[in-house]
Amino acid sequence: YETLIARPDWRRENDADLYGAVASGTLASIGDLNSEFVQPDPNAVVVAYYQSAVTIEYLVQTYGFPKIVEALKLYGIEENTYSGEAQMFDLMHAMRSRLIKSPSFNGNRVIGAILFEMTMERTIDGQGTAEYLWQKKHVVPFLKVDNGLADEANDVQLMKPIPELATRIAAANKHGVFGTKMRSVINLANQSGIDAVVKQQFEVGAQIIAGGLVPIIEPEVSIKSPQKAEAEVLLKKSLLDYANSLSGDQNIMLKLSIPTVPNLFKELVDHPRVVRVVALSGGYSRDEANKHLAENQGVIASFSRALVEGLTAQQSDAEFD
């Protein structure tokens, strides 16, 4: 909900998936929704993400913001602690700050953290979030720079134009950010579509490198694609071609869907211009994502939902940690 308020164009449309769950009688109740995020069926996890988003939207549009207050009470945040969305976002940042300040959250366990622009501009204990991550926790900060996805064409979704890119690069440098992240989506094994995705990613990446940052190239292959394995083979070839064209002072990172064929991306893991290959779960449950990740040597995990699962406002510092 926070993301949709800040950037409506980031919305992912999964109405067909949601309707399918309704028609088949498999749509989870609100009370059971939390457990849907950690079940083994990846399609059900995708539905759960979308169902949670439209549930919040429905409550706000139909009953008003006070119903969100009631929901937050269940989480442990009383309504007298804030009023309105601005203060709600403040409390959400406080939750993120608590997570970052946890003794268990450090460079020994977490290599990097990707921040929204809003989070980067906020502070933790009087210090910028990005600065705090690196200087206090030894966790490398990254900034999400894309403006969401364009409409599908050639079985892929390119990134929307990023006219604010230079401004965001400057802001990232100001805050000591190491790199950036930007996402495209590949739905089918369409050679021209995949080539267009990689071309755009590396063109924008070149601007980011010129600005002194390391770009995370993220051409996500949908885990629902009936041609996932074929698309990944085409993607690997295109990525290698572009990576081989980089000069000795141009480095990138890659954020890729966990491949159908284990170790498919090993050449990219070992490539001298690739700092890290990071695996996105893409809708897999945590257990399934971990299982597939373990089959891919040298690829590291990208956690978000799994990292904060089970954390609540009422927990003591010891329980939270």
Protein backbone atom coordinates (compact mmCIF):
# COMPACT_ATOMS: atom_id res chain seq x y z
CA TYR A 1 0.00 0.00 0.00
CA GLU A 2 2.85 2.37 0.85
CA THR A 3 4.48 1.69 -2.50
CA LEU A 4 1.26 2.30 -4.43
CA ILE A 5 0.74 5.62 -2.65
CA ALA A 6 4.26 6.78 -3.50
CA ARG A 7 4.49 5.28 -7.00
CA PRO A 8 1.14 4.13 -8.48
CA ASP A 9 2.91 3.08 -11.69
CA TRP A 10 4.71 0.27 -9.83
CA ARG A 11 1.44 -1.60 -9.45
CA ARG A 12 1.49 -5.22 -10.67
CA GLU A 13 -1.75 -6.35 -12.26
CA ASN A 14 -2.79 -9.87 -11.32
CA ASP A 15 -6.55 -9.63 -11.67
CA ALA A 16 -6.72 -12.82 -13.76
CA ASP A 17 -4.82 -14.77 -11.10
CA LEU A 18 -7.09 -13.42 -8.38
CA TYR A 19 -10.24 -14.27 -10.34
CA GLY A 20 -8.91 -17.76 -10.98
CA ALA A 21 -8.49 -18.31 -7.24
CA VAL A 22 -12.04 -17.08 -6.64
CA ALA A 23 -13.46 -19.31 -9.41
CA SER A 24 -11.62 -22.39 -8.13
CA GLY A 25 -12.52 -21.77 -4.50
CA THR A 26 -8.86 -21.54 -3.44
CA LEU A 27 -8.79 -17.86 -2.44
CA ALA A 28 -7.52 -17.59 1.13
CA SER A 29 -9.52 -15.85 3.83
CA ILE A 30 -8.07 -12.66 5.27
CA GLY A 31 -7.38 -14.52 8.49
CA ASP A 32 -5.29 -17.11 6.63
CA LEU A 33 -3.60 -14.68 4.25
CA ASN A 34 -0.33 -14.39 6.16
CA SER A 35 0.36 -18.13 5.90
CA GLU A 36 -0.18 -17.99 2.12
CA PHE A 37 3.15 -16.17 1.72
CA VAL A 38 5.13 -19.20 2.91
CA GLN A 39 3.32 -22.07 1.23
CA PRO A 40 4.98 -24.21 -1.49
CA ASP A 41 2.71 -23.19 -4.42
CA PRO A 42 4.39 -20.23 -6.18
CA ASN A 43 1.20 -19.22 -7.98
CA ALA A 44 -0.64 -19.03 -4.68
CA VAL A 45 2.12 -16.79 -3.32
CA VAL A 46 1.66 -14.42 -6.28
CA VAL A 47 -2.09 -14.35 -5.60
CA ALA A 48 -1.42 -13.66 -1.91
CA TYR A 49 0.75 -10.64 -2.73
CA TYR A 50 -1.91 -9.18 -4.97
CA GLN A 51 -4.78 -10.09 -2.67
CA SER A 52 -3.09 -8.30 0.23
CA ALA A 53 -2.65 -5.14 -1.85
CA VAL A 54 -6.23 -5.00 -3.13
CA THR A 55 -7.54 -5.80 0.35
CA ILE A 56 -5.92 -2.67 1.78
CA GLU A 57 -7.11 -0.61 -1.19
CA TYR A 58 -10.64 -1.93 -0.77
CA LEU A 59 -10.69 -1.06 2.93
CA VAL A 60 -9.49 2.48 2.27
CA GLN A 61 -11.82 3.11 -0.67
CA THR A 62 -14.89 1.50 0.89
CA TYR A 63 -14.58 2.19 4.61
CA GLY A 64 -11.93 4.88 4.81
CA PHE A 65 -8.52 5.13 6.37
CA PRO A 66 -9.78 4.36 9.93
CA LYS A 67 -10.10 0.71 8.95
CA ILE A 68 -6.37 0.66 8.29
CA VAL A 69 -5.96 1.95 11.83
CA GLU A 70 -7.88 -1.08 13.05
CA ALA A 71 -5.63 -3.37 11.04
CA LEU A 72 -2.55 -1.75 12.50
CA LYS A 73 -3.96 -2.30 15.98
CA LEU A 74 -3.85 -6.01 15.28
CA TYR A 75 -0.19 -5.60 14.42
CA GLY A 76 0.32 -3.80 17.72
CA ILE A 77 0.35 -0.11 16.74
CA GLU A 78 -2.41 1.80 18.55
CA GLU A 79 -4.29 4.51 16.67
CA ASN A 80 -3.34 7.15 19.23
CA THR A 81 0.28 6.77 18.10
CA TYR A 82 -0.37 8.51 14.77
CA SER A 83 -2.93 10.31 12.62
CA GLY A 84 -2.96 10.22 8.83
CA GLU A 85 -0.75 8.61 6.23
CA ALA A 86 2.30 10.80 6.86
CA GLN A 87 2.60 9.64 10.45
CA MET A 88 1.83 6.07 9.39
CA PHE A 89 4.82 6.22 7.03
CA ASP A 90 6.88 7.59 9.91
CA LEU A 91 5.98 4.54 11.98
CA MET A 92 6.81 2.24 9.08
CA HIS A 93 10.21 3.89 8.86
CA ALA A 94 10.58 3.38 12.61
CA MET A 95 9.95 -0.32 12.04
CA ARG A 96 12.58 -0.42 9.31
CA SER A 97 14.96 1.48 11.58
CA ARG A 98 14.40 -1.06 14.33
CA LEU A 99 15.17 -3.84 11.88
CA ILE A 100 18.36 -2.16 10.68
CA LYS A 101 19.48 -1.38 14.24
CA SER A 102 18.97 -4.97 15.38
CA PRO A 103 22.29 -6.54 16.46
CA SER A 104 21.55 -9.46 14.13
CA PHE A 105 21.31 -7.15 11.11
CA ASN A 106 24.94 -6.60 10.14
CA GLY A 107 27.49 -7.14 7.43
CA ASN A 108 28.22 -10.65 8.63
CA ARG A 109 24.73 -11.75 7.58
CA VAL A 110 23.56 -9.09 5.11
CA ILE A 111 25.75 -7.89 2.24
CA GLY A 112 23.50 -5.14 0.91
CA ALA A 113 20.12 -3.44 1.27
CA ILE A 114 18.07 -1.85 -1.52
CA LEU A 115 16.30 1.36 -0.49
CA PHE A 116 13.37 3.28 -1.88
CA GLU A 117 14.18 6.93 -2.52
CA MET A 118 11.87 7.94 0.36
CA THR A 119 13.78 5.68 2.75
CA MET A 120 17.17 6.94 1.57
CA GLU A 121 16.12 10.51 2.35
CA ARG A 122 15.09 9.62 5.91
CA THR A 123 17.39 9.25 8.90
CA ILE A 124 18.22 6.74 11.61
CA ASP A 125 19.47 8.22 14.88
CA GLY A 126 20.16 11.50 13.12
CA GLN A 127 22.18 9.87 10.35
CA GLY A 128 21.01 9.23 6.77
CA THR A 129 19.65 5.72 6.29
CA ALA A 130 22.23 4.85 3.64
CA GLU A 131 25.06 6.34 5.67
CA TYR A 132 23.92 4.44 8.76
CA LEU A 133 23.76 1.16 6.86
CA TRP A 134 27.37 1.37 5.76
CA GLN A 135 29.07 3.27 8.59
CA LYS A 136 27.30 1.58 11.50
CA LYS A 137 26.25 -1.82 10.14
CA HIS A 138 28.73 -2.43 7.30
CA VAL A 139 25.82 -3.20 4.95
CA VAL A 140 26.18 -1.83 1.41
CA PRO A 141 23.32 0.55 0.42
CA PHE A 142 21.65 0.50 -3.00
CA LEU A 143 18.92 2.73 -4.45
CA LYS A 144 15.94 1.65 -6.56
CA VAL A 145 15.94 4.06 -9.53
CA ASP A 146 13.38 2.79 -12.04
CA ASN A 147 9.88 4.23 -12.57
CA GLY A 148 8.12 0.92 -13.01
CA LEU A 149 7.25 -1.15 -16.07
CA ALA A 150 5.96 -0.17 -19.49
CA ASP A 151 3.10 -2.08 -21.12
CA GLU A 152 3.97 -5.53 -22.44
CA ALA A 153 5.36 -5.77 -25.98
CA ASN A 154 7.19 -8.68 -27.62
CA ASP A 155 6.40 -10.76 -24.52
CA VAL A 156 8.43 -8.50 -22.22
CA GLN A 157 7.98 -5.36 -20.17
CA LEU A 158 10.68 -2.77 -20.56
CA MET A 159 11.26 -0.06 -17.97
CA LYS A 160 9.40 3.20 -18.27
CA PRO A 161 11.62 6.21 -19.07
CA ILE A 162 13.61 7.54 -16.12
CA PRO A 163 13.97 11.32 -16.68
CA GLU A 164 14.96 11.69 -13.00
CA LEU A 165 17.94 9.34 -13.37
CA ALA A 166 20.66 12.02 -13.19
CA THR A 167 19.03 13.55 -10.11
CA ARG A 168 18.75 10.17 -8.42
CA ILE A 169 22.38 9.32 -9.22
CA ALA A 170 23.46 12.62 -7.68
CA ALA A 171 21.33 11.99 -4.58
CA ALA A 172 22.72 8.47 -4.25
CA ASN A 173 26.28 9.76 -4.40
CA LYS A 174 25.46 12.41 -1.83
CA HIS A 175 24.29 9.72 0.58
CA GLY A 176 27.20 7.37 -0.05
CA VAL A 177 25.15 4.78 -1.92
CA PHE A 178 27.18 2.09 -3.69
CA GLY A 179 24.82 1.12 -6.48
CA THR A 180 21.34 1.08 -7.97
CA LYS A 181 18.63 -1.39 -8.93
CA MET A 182 16.18 -1.38 -11.85
CA ARG A 183 13.73 -4.05 -12.96
CA SER A 184 12.35 -5.37 -16.26
CA VAL A 185 10.19 -8.47 -16.82
CA ILE A 186 10.43 -11.29 -19.36
CA ASN A 187 7.30 -13.38 -19.86
CA LEU A 188 8.16 -15.64 -22.82
CA ALA A 189 11.21 -16.82 -24.78
CA ASN A 190 11.01 -14.05 -27.36
CA GLN A 191 14.50 -13.31 -28.67
CA SER A 192 13.80 -9.76 -29.83
CA GLY A 193 11.97 -8.93 -26.60
CA ILE A 194 14.75 -10.31 -24.41
CA ASP A 195 17.42 -8.49 -26.43
CA ALA A 196 15.45 -5.25 -26.01
CA VAL A 197 15.28 -5.74 -22.23
CA VAL A 198 19.00 -6.37 -21.89
CA LYS A 199 19.88 -3.52 -24.26
CA GLN A 200 17.82 -1.04 -22.25
CA GLN A 201 19.20 -2.30 -18.94
CA PHE A 202 22.80 -1.91 -20.08
CA GLU A 203 22.17 1.50 -21.68
CA VAL A 204 20.76 2.83 -18.43
CA GLY A 205 23.46 0.94 -16.58
CA ALA A 206 26.12 2.77 -18.58
CA GLN A 207 24.76 6.09 -17.33
CA ILE A 208 24.81 4.79 -13.77
CA ILE A 209 28.40 3.55 -14.12
CA ALA A 210 29.40 6.94 -15.55
CA GLY A 211 27.84 8.48 -12.45
CA GLY A 212 30.16 6.48 -10.22
CA LEU A 213 27.72 3.76 -9.10
CA VAL A 214 27.38 0.02 -9.70
CA PRO A 215 24.06 -0.92 -11.33
CA ILE A 216 22.11 -4.03 -10.41
CA ILE A 217 20.73 -5.27 -13.73
CA GLU A 218 17.41 -7.04 -13.06
CA PRO A 219 15.75 -8.72 -16.05
CA GLU A 220 13.28 -10.91 -14.16
CA VAL A 221 11.98 -14.02 -15.92
CA SER A 222 8.46 -14.71 -14.65
CA ILE A 223 8.30 -17.97 -12.70
CA LYS A 224 4.84 -18.47 -14.23
CA SER A 225 6.22 -18.46 -17.77
CA PRO A 226 5.54 -21.69 -19.70
CA GLN A 227 8.84 -20.97 -21.48
CA LYS A 228 10.89 -20.07 -18.40
CA ALA A 229 13.80 -22.43 -19.12
CA GLU A 230 14.00 -21.38 -22.79
CA ALA A 231 13.82 -17.69 -21.89
CA GLU A 232 16.65 -18.11 -19.38
CA VAL A 233 18.94 -19.64 -22.03
CA LEU A 234 18.31 -16.67 -24.34
CA LEU A 235 18.78 -14.23 -21.47
CA LYS A 236 22.08 -15.78 -20.43
CA LYS A 237 23.52 -15.41 -23.94
CA SER A 238 22.44 -11.78 -24.20
CA LEU A 239 23.78 -10.94 -20.74
CA LEU A 240 27.14 -12.57 -21.52
CA ASP A 241 27.43 -10.64 -24.79
CA TYR A 242 26.91 -7.33 -23.01
CA ALA A 243 29.06 -8.24 -20.01
CA ASN A 244 31.91 -9.18 -22.36
CA SER A 245 31.70 -5.71 -23.93
CA LEU A 246 32.36 -3.92 -20.61
CA SER A 247 35.76 -2.37 -20.06
CA GLY A 248 38.00 -3.18 -17.11
CA ASP A 249 36.67 -0.33 -14.98
CA GLN A 250 32.97 -1.07 -15.63
CA ASN A 251 31.36 -3.42 -13.12
CA ILE A 252 27.76 -4.59 -12.71
CA MET A 253 25.65 -6.83 -10.52
CA LEU A 254 22.86 -9.09 -11.74
CA LYS A 255 19.54 -9.85 -10.04
CA LEU A 256 18.02 -12.87 -11.76
CA SER A 257 15.20 -15.34 -11.26
CA ILE A 258 16.47 -18.65 -9.90
CA PRO A 259 17.10 -20.66 -13.09
CA THR A 260 15.18 -23.81 -13.99
CA VAL A 261 18.48 -25.56 -14.81
CA PRO A 262 20.83 -25.41 -11.80
CA ASN A 263 24.05 -23.41 -12.30
CA LEU A 264 22.86 -22.06 -15.65
CA PHE A 265 24.29 -18.66 -14.72
CA LYS A 266 27.66 -19.97 -13.43
CA GLU A 267 29.52 -18.21 -16.27
CA LEU A 268 27.99 -14.94 -15.13
CA VAL A 269 28.85 -15.67 -11.49
CA ASP A 270 32.49 -16.16 -12.52
CA HIS A 271 32.59 -13.22 -14.97
CA PRO A 272 35.27 -10.63 -14.01
CA ARG A 273 32.89 -7.70 -14.63
CA VAL A 274 30.07 -9.15 -12.49
CA VAL A 275 30.46 -8.28 -8.81
CA ARG A 276 27.63 -10.53 -7.61
CA VAL A 277 24.71 -12.53 -8.99
CA VAL A 278 21.70 -12.18 -6.71
CA ALA A 279 18.68 -14.48 -6.88
CA LEU A 280 15.20 -13.02 -6.62
CA SER A 281 12.53 -15.39 -5.34
CA GLY A 282 10.00 -14.02 -7.84
CA GLY A 283 7.02 -15.43 -5.94
CA TYR A 284 8.45 -18.73 -4.72
CA SER A 285 7.81 -19.54 -1.08
CA ARG A 286 10.82 -19.11 1.18
CA ASP A 287 11.41 -22.84 1.50
CA GLU A 288 11.15 -23.45 -2.24
CA ALA A 289 13.36 -20.46 -3.05
CA ASN A 290 16.00 -21.68 -0.59
CA LYS A 291 15.88 -25.16 -2.11
CA HIS A 292 16.44 -23.85 -5.64
CA LEU A 293 19.05 -21.34 -4.50
CA ALA A 294 21.12 -24.08 -2.86
CA GLU A 295 21.44 -25.73 -6.28
CA ASN A 296 23.19 -22.68 -7.77
CA GLN A 297 26.81 -22.27 -6.76
CA GLY A 298 27.95 -18.70 -6.06
CA VAL A 299 24.49 -17.13 -6.31
CA ILE A 300 23.34 -15.24 -3.20
CA ALA A 301 19.82 -14.64 -1.93
CA SER A 302 17.68 -11.53 -2.18
CA PHE A 303 15.34 -11.44 0.83
CA SER A 304 12.54 -9.00 1.64
CA ARG A 305 9.35 -10.64 2.91
CA ALA A 306 11.25 -13.59 4.36
CA LEU A 307 13.54 -11.26 6.30
CA VAL A 308 10.73 -9.56 8.24
CA GLU A 309 8.39 -12.53 8.61
CA GLY A 310 7.19 -12.91 12.20
CA LEU A 311 8.33 -9.49 13.43
CA THR A 312 5.81 -7.37 15.35
CA ALA A 313 5.78 -4.06 17.17
CA GLN A 314 5.03 -5.66 20.53
CA GLN A 315 8.09 -7.88 20.65
CA SER A 316 10.82 -7.11 23.11
CA ASP A 317 14.21 -6.22 21.65
CA ALA A 318 15.43 -9.70 22.48
CA GLU A 319 12.43 -11.35 20.79
CA PHE A 320 12.71 -9.02 17.80
CA ASP A 321 16.43 -9.70 17.42
